[in-house]
Amino acid sequence: MPRVGRKARNQALFRQVNERIAEQAAGWEVQTEAQSFVCECSHTSCTEQIELPVLAYARVREDPTTFLILPGHEDLEHEEVLTDEGSYLIVRNRPGLAAEIARETA
């Protein structure tokens, strides 16, 4: 698999993990309290966490090509920064293979 494809699949895997976290938190009715989510960057060895409310995370999930990552984890060759919230970034895959994989795995 090309490097871009591997990185995009890594993002998709972390997105799936975070979606389960959000589902669980919704069941506990803690949507406005900070929850720990996994950084959805394309770095295959990243295991860092990001704290934000479930409702804020839900906004990230409105577009299958957007991801929640830590500052400094962005890959500007394949994604653009949409929002800098200080403690985390929201990035979007640029058109191409990474964006296609993001849509297919959403």
N, C-alpha and C. Protein backbone atom coordinates (compact mmCIF):
# COMPACT_ATOMS: atom_id res chain seq x y z
N MET A 1 0.86 -1.18 0.00
CA MET A 1 0.00 0.00 0.00
C MET A 1 0.90 1.24 0.00
N PRO A 2 0.59 2.21 -0.84
CA PRO A 2 1.40 3.44 -0.84
C PRO A 2 1.42 4.09 0.54
N ARG A 3 2.47 4.85 0.78
CA ARG A 3 2.64 5.52 2.07
C ARG A 3 1.42 6.37 2.44
N VAL A 4 0.89 7.11 1.46
CA VAL A 4 -0.28 7.96 1.72
C VAL A 4 -1.47 7.10 2.14
N GLY A 5 -1.65 5.98 1.47
CA GLY A 5 -2.75 5.09 1.82
C GLY A 5 -2.62 4.53 3.22
N ARG A 6 -1.41 4.14 3.60
CA ARG A 6 -1.17 3.60 4.95
C ARG A 6 -1.48 4.66 6.00
N LYS A 7 -1.03 5.89 5.75
CA LYS A 7 -1.28 6.97 6.70
C LYS A 7 -2.78 7.29 6.81
N ALA A 8 -3.47 7.26 5.68
CA ALA A 8 -4.91 7.53 5.69
C ALA A 8 -5.67 6.44 6.43
N ARG A 9 -5.26 5.20 6.28
CA ARG A 9 -5.90 4.10 7.01
C ARG A 9 -5.65 4.23 8.52
N ASN A 10 -4.47 4.72 8.89
CA ASN A 10 -4.18 4.96 10.30
C ASN A 10 -5.13 6.02 10.86
N GLN A 11 -5.34 7.11 10.12
CA GLN A 11 -6.28 8.14 10.56
C GLN A 11 -7.68 7.54 10.73
N ALA A 12 -8.09 6.73 9.77
CA ALA A 12 -9.42 6.13 9.82
C ALA A 12 -9.57 5.22 11.03
N LEU A 13 -8.53 4.47 11.37
CA LEU A 13 -8.57 3.59 12.54
C LEU A 13 -8.77 4.41 13.82
N PHE A 14 -8.00 5.49 13.98
CA PHE A 14 -8.14 6.32 15.17
C PHE A 14 -9.50 7.01 15.20
N ARG A 15 -10.03 7.36 14.03
CA ARG A 15 -11.37 7.95 13.99
C ARG A 15 -12.39 6.95 14.51
N GLN A 16 -12.26 5.69 14.14
CA GLN A 16 -13.19 4.66 14.61
C GLN A 16 -13.11 4.50 16.13
N VAL A 17 -11.91 4.54 16.68
CA VAL A 17 -11.73 4.46 18.13
C VAL A 17 -12.46 5.63 18.79
N ASN A 18 -12.24 6.84 18.26
CA ASN A 18 -12.87 8.02 18.85
C ASN A 18 -14.39 8.01 18.71
N GLU A 19 -14.89 7.45 17.63
CA GLU A 19 -16.34 7.36 17.49
C GLU A 19 -16.94 6.47 18.58
N ARG A 20 -16.25 5.41 18.94
CA ARG A 20 -16.72 4.55 20.04
C ARG A 20 -16.67 5.29 21.37
N ILE A 21 -15.61 6.06 21.58
CA ILE A 21 -15.52 6.87 22.81
C ILE A 21 -16.70 7.83 22.88
N ALA A 22 -16.99 8.51 21.78
CA ALA A 22 -18.10 9.47 21.74
C ALA A 22 -19.44 8.77 21.99
N GLU A 23 -19.62 7.58 21.42
CA GLU A 23 -20.86 6.83 21.64
C GLU A 23 -21.03 6.48 23.12
N GLN A 24 -19.96 6.03 23.73
CA GLN A 24 -20.01 5.68 25.15
C GLN A 24 -20.31 6.91 26.00
N ALA A 25 -19.66 8.00 25.71
CA ALA A 25 -19.88 9.24 26.48
C ALA A 25 -21.31 9.74 26.32
N ALA A 26 -21.87 9.58 25.14
CA ALA A 26 -23.26 10.00 24.91
C ALA A 26 -24.19 9.19 25.79
N GLY A 27 -23.88 7.93 25.99
CA GLY A 27 -24.70 7.08 26.87
C GLY A 27 -24.61 7.49 28.32
N TRP A 28 -23.51 8.12 28.69
CA TRP A 28 -23.33 8.58 30.08
C TRP A 28 -23.80 10.00 30.28
N GLU A 29 -24.28 10.62 29.20
CA GLU A 29 -24.78 11.99 29.23
C GLU A 29 -23.74 12.97 29.76
N VAL A 30 -22.53 12.86 29.24
CA VAL A 30 -21.45 13.78 29.64
C VAL A 30 -20.93 14.53 28.41
N GLN A 31 -21.81 14.90 27.53
CA GLN A 31 -21.43 15.48 26.26
C GLN A 31 -20.76 16.85 26.37
N THR A 32 -20.97 17.55 27.47
CA THR A 32 -20.36 18.87 27.59
C THR A 32 -19.08 18.84 28.42
N GLU A 33 -18.80 17.72 29.08
CA GLU A 33 -17.57 17.59 29.85
C GLU A 33 -16.44 17.11 28.95
N ALA A 34 -15.22 17.46 29.30
CA ALA A 34 -14.06 17.04 28.50
C ALA A 34 -13.88 15.53 28.58
N GLN A 35 -13.63 14.93 27.44
CA GLN A 35 -13.36 13.51 27.31
C GLN A 35 -11.99 13.35 26.66
N SER A 36 -11.38 12.21 26.86
CA SER A 36 -10.10 11.91 26.20
C SER A 36 -10.36 11.22 24.88
N PHE A 37 -9.81 11.79 23.83
CA PHE A 37 -9.87 11.20 22.50
C PHE A 37 -8.45 10.95 22.02
N VAL A 38 -8.30 10.03 21.10
CA VAL A 38 -6.97 9.72 20.57
C VAL A 38 -6.67 10.67 19.42
N CYS A 39 -5.44 11.10 19.35
CA CYS A 39 -5.00 11.93 18.23
C CYS A 39 -5.23 11.14 16.94
N GLU A 40 -5.88 11.76 15.97
CA GLU A 40 -6.21 11.09 14.71
C GLU A 40 -5.20 11.42 13.61
N CYS A 41 -3.98 11.71 14.01
CA CYS A 41 -2.97 12.05 13.02
C CYS A 41 -2.57 10.82 12.22
N SER A 42 -1.80 11.03 11.18
CA SER A 42 -1.39 9.93 10.32
C SER A 42 -0.10 9.27 10.77
N HIS A 43 0.47 9.71 11.88
CA HIS A 43 1.70 9.11 12.40
C HIS A 43 1.36 7.74 12.99
N THR A 44 1.92 6.70 12.44
CA THR A 44 1.55 5.34 12.84
C THR A 44 1.93 5.01 14.27
N SER A 45 2.86 5.74 14.87
CA SER A 45 3.28 5.44 16.24
C SER A 45 2.64 6.35 17.29
N CYS A 46 1.80 7.27 16.89
CA CYS A 46 1.19 8.22 17.83
C CYS A 46 0.13 7.54 18.68
N THR A 47 0.21 7.77 19.99
CA THR A 47 -0.81 7.26 20.91
C THR A 47 -1.25 8.36 21.88
N GLU A 48 -0.98 9.61 21.52
CA GLU A 48 -1.30 10.73 22.41
C GLU A 48 -2.80 11.00 22.43
N GLN A 49 -3.24 11.66 23.50
CA GLN A 49 -4.65 11.93 23.69
C GLN A 49 -4.93 13.43 23.70
N ILE A 50 -6.18 13.75 23.37
CA ILE A 50 -6.65 15.13 23.31
C ILE A 50 -7.92 15.21 24.14
N GLU A 51 -8.03 16.24 24.96
CA GLU A 51 -9.21 16.45 25.80
C GLU A 51 -10.12 17.49 25.15
N LEU A 52 -11.38 17.12 24.94
CA LEU A 52 -12.39 18.06 24.49
C LEU A 52 -13.78 17.46 24.71
N PRO A 53 -14.81 18.31 24.76
CA PRO A 53 -16.17 17.80 24.96
C PRO A 53 -16.64 16.97 23.76
N VAL A 54 -17.50 16.02 24.02
CA VAL A 54 -18.04 15.16 22.97
C VAL A 54 -18.76 16.00 21.91
N LEU A 55 -19.46 17.03 22.34
CA LEU A 55 -20.17 17.87 21.36
C LEU A 55 -19.19 18.55 20.40
N ALA A 56 -18.03 18.95 20.88
CA ALA A 56 -17.01 19.54 20.01
C ALA A 56 -16.47 18.49 19.05
N TYR A 57 -16.29 17.27 19.55
CA TYR A 57 -15.81 16.20 18.68
C TYR A 57 -16.84 15.88 17.60
N ALA A 58 -18.11 15.96 17.93
CA ALA A 58 -19.16 15.68 16.95
C ALA A 58 -19.07 16.62 15.75
N ARG A 59 -18.65 17.84 15.98
CA ARG A 59 -18.49 18.79 14.87
C ARG A 59 -17.38 18.34 13.92
N VAL A 60 -16.34 17.72 14.46
CA VAL A 60 -15.25 17.21 13.62
C VAL A 60 -15.78 16.12 12.71
N ARG A 61 -16.69 15.30 13.22
CA ARG A 61 -17.20 14.15 12.47
C ARG A 61 -18.22 14.52 11.41
N GLU A 62 -18.61 15.78 11.31
CA GLU A 62 -19.59 16.19 10.30
C GLU A 62 -19.07 15.99 8.89
N ASP A 63 -17.76 15.98 8.72
CA ASP A 63 -17.13 15.79 7.41
C ASP A 63 -16.18 14.60 7.53
N PRO A 64 -16.35 13.56 6.71
CA PRO A 64 -15.50 12.37 6.85
C PRO A 64 -14.03 12.62 6.53
N THR A 65 -13.71 13.75 5.93
CA THR A 65 -12.31 14.04 5.59
C THR A 65 -11.63 14.93 6.62
N THR A 66 -12.32 15.22 7.74
CA THR A 66 -11.70 16.03 8.79
C THR A 66 -11.30 15.15 9.97
N PHE A 67 -10.20 15.57 10.62
CA PHE A 67 -9.64 14.78 11.71
C PHE A 67 -9.17 15.70 12.84
N LEU A 68 -9.17 15.16 14.04
CA LEU A 68 -8.74 15.83 15.26
C LEU A 68 -7.31 15.42 15.56
N ILE A 69 -6.41 16.40 15.60
CA ILE A 69 -5.01 16.06 15.86
C ILE A 69 -4.36 17.08 16.80
N LEU A 70 -3.23 16.70 17.33
CA LEU A 70 -2.45 17.61 18.19
C LEU A 70 -1.63 18.56 17.33
N PRO A 71 -1.39 19.78 17.81
CA PRO A 71 -0.51 20.70 17.09
C PRO A 71 0.87 20.05 16.88
N GLY A 72 1.40 20.22 15.69
CA GLY A 72 2.69 19.63 15.34
C GLY A 72 2.55 18.26 14.70
N HIS A 73 1.36 17.69 14.71
CA HIS A 73 1.13 16.38 14.10
C HIS A 73 0.57 16.48 12.69
N GLU A 74 0.36 17.69 12.21
CA GLU A 74 -0.21 17.86 10.89
C GLU A 74 0.79 17.45 9.80
N ASP A 75 0.27 16.93 8.71
CA ASP A 75 1.05 16.54 7.53
C ASP A 75 0.59 17.44 6.39
N LEU A 76 1.22 18.58 6.24
CA LEU A 76 0.75 19.60 5.31
C LEU A 76 0.86 19.18 3.85
N GLU A 77 1.56 18.09 3.60
CA GLU A 77 1.62 17.57 2.23
C GLU A 77 0.27 16.96 1.83
N HIS A 78 -0.45 16.41 2.81
CA HIS A 78 -1.69 15.71 2.53
C HIS A 78 -2.92 16.26 3.22
N GLU A 79 -2.75 17.28 4.07
CA GLU A 79 -3.90 17.84 4.78
C GLU A 79 -3.69 19.33 5.03
N GLU A 80 -4.80 20.01 5.24
CA GLU A 80 -4.76 21.43 5.55
C GLU A 80 -5.39 21.67 6.92
N VAL A 81 -4.89 22.64 7.64
CA VAL A 81 -5.43 22.98 8.95
C VAL A 81 -6.65 23.87 8.74
N LEU A 82 -7.78 23.43 9.26
CA LEU A 82 -9.01 24.22 9.17
C LEU A 82 -9.18 25.10 10.39
N THR A 83 -8.91 24.54 11.57
CA THR A 83 -9.11 25.24 12.83
C THR A 83 -7.98 24.92 13.79
N ASP A 84 -7.48 25.95 14.44
CA ASP A 84 -6.48 25.79 15.50
C ASP A 84 -7.14 26.21 16.80
N GLU A 85 -7.44 25.24 17.65
CA GLU A 85 -8.10 25.50 18.93
C GLU A 85 -7.10 25.62 20.07
N GLY A 86 -5.84 25.74 19.74
CA GLY A 86 -4.81 25.86 20.76
C GLY A 86 -4.28 24.52 21.21
N SER A 87 -5.12 23.73 21.87
CA SER A 87 -4.67 22.42 22.36
C SER A 87 -4.89 21.32 21.32
N TYR A 88 -5.62 21.62 20.27
CA TYR A 88 -5.82 20.66 19.18
C TYR A 88 -6.11 21.39 17.88
N LEU A 89 -5.94 20.66 16.78
CA LEU A 89 -6.22 21.18 15.44
C LEU A 89 -7.31 20.32 14.80
N ILE A 90 -8.05 20.91 13.91
CA ILE A 90 -8.94 20.16 13.04
C ILE A 90 -8.35 20.32 11.64
N VAL A 91 -8.05 19.17 11.02
CA VAL A 91 -7.44 19.17 9.69
C VAL A 91 -8.35 18.46 8.71
N ARG A 92 -8.19 18.77 7.43
CA ARG A 92 -8.94 18.10 6.36
C ARG A 92 -7.95 17.53 5.36
N ASN A 93 -8.20 16.29 4.95
CA ASN A 93 -7.38 15.70 3.90
C ASN A 93 -7.56 16.47 2.62
N ARG A 94 -6.46 16.72 1.92
CA ARG A 94 -6.53 17.35 0.61
C ARG A 94 -7.13 16.35 -0.38
N PRO A 95 -7.72 16.83 -1.47
CA PRO A 95 -8.26 15.90 -2.47
C PRO A 95 -7.17 14.92 -2.93
N GLY A 96 -7.58 13.68 -3.14
CA GLY A 96 -6.65 12.64 -3.56
C GLY A 96 -6.90 11.36 -2.79
N LEU A 97 -5.90 10.50 -2.73
CA LEU A 97 -6.04 9.19 -2.13
C LEU A 97 -6.45 9.24 -0.66
N ALA A 98 -5.84 10.11 0.14
CA ALA A 98 -6.18 10.18 1.56
C ALA A 98 -7.65 10.57 1.76
N ALA A 99 -8.13 11.52 1.01
CA ALA A 99 -9.53 11.94 1.13
C ALA A 99 -10.47 10.82 0.68
N GLU A 100 -10.10 10.11 -0.36
CA GLU A 100 -10.91 8.99 -0.85
C GLU A 100 -11.02 7.90 0.22
N ILE A 101 -9.90 7.55 0.83
CA ILE A 101 -9.90 6.53 1.88
C ILE A 101 -10.74 6.99 3.07
N ALA A 102 -10.61 8.27 3.44
CA ALA A 102 -11.39 8.81 4.56
C ALA A 102 -12.88 8.66 4.31
N ARG A 103 -13.31 8.96 3.09
CA ARG A 103 -14.74 8.84 2.75
C ARG A 103 -15.18 7.37 2.75
N GLU A 104 -14.34 6.49 2.21
CA GLU A 104 -14.69 5.07 2.12
C GLU A 104 -14.81 4.41 3.49
N THR A 105 -14.02 4.87 4.43
CA THR A 105 -13.99 4.22 5.75
C THR A 105 -14.87 4.91 6.78
N ALA A 106 -15.54 5.98 6.37
CA ALA A 106 -16.39 6.73 7.32
C ALA A 106 -17.66 5.97 7.62
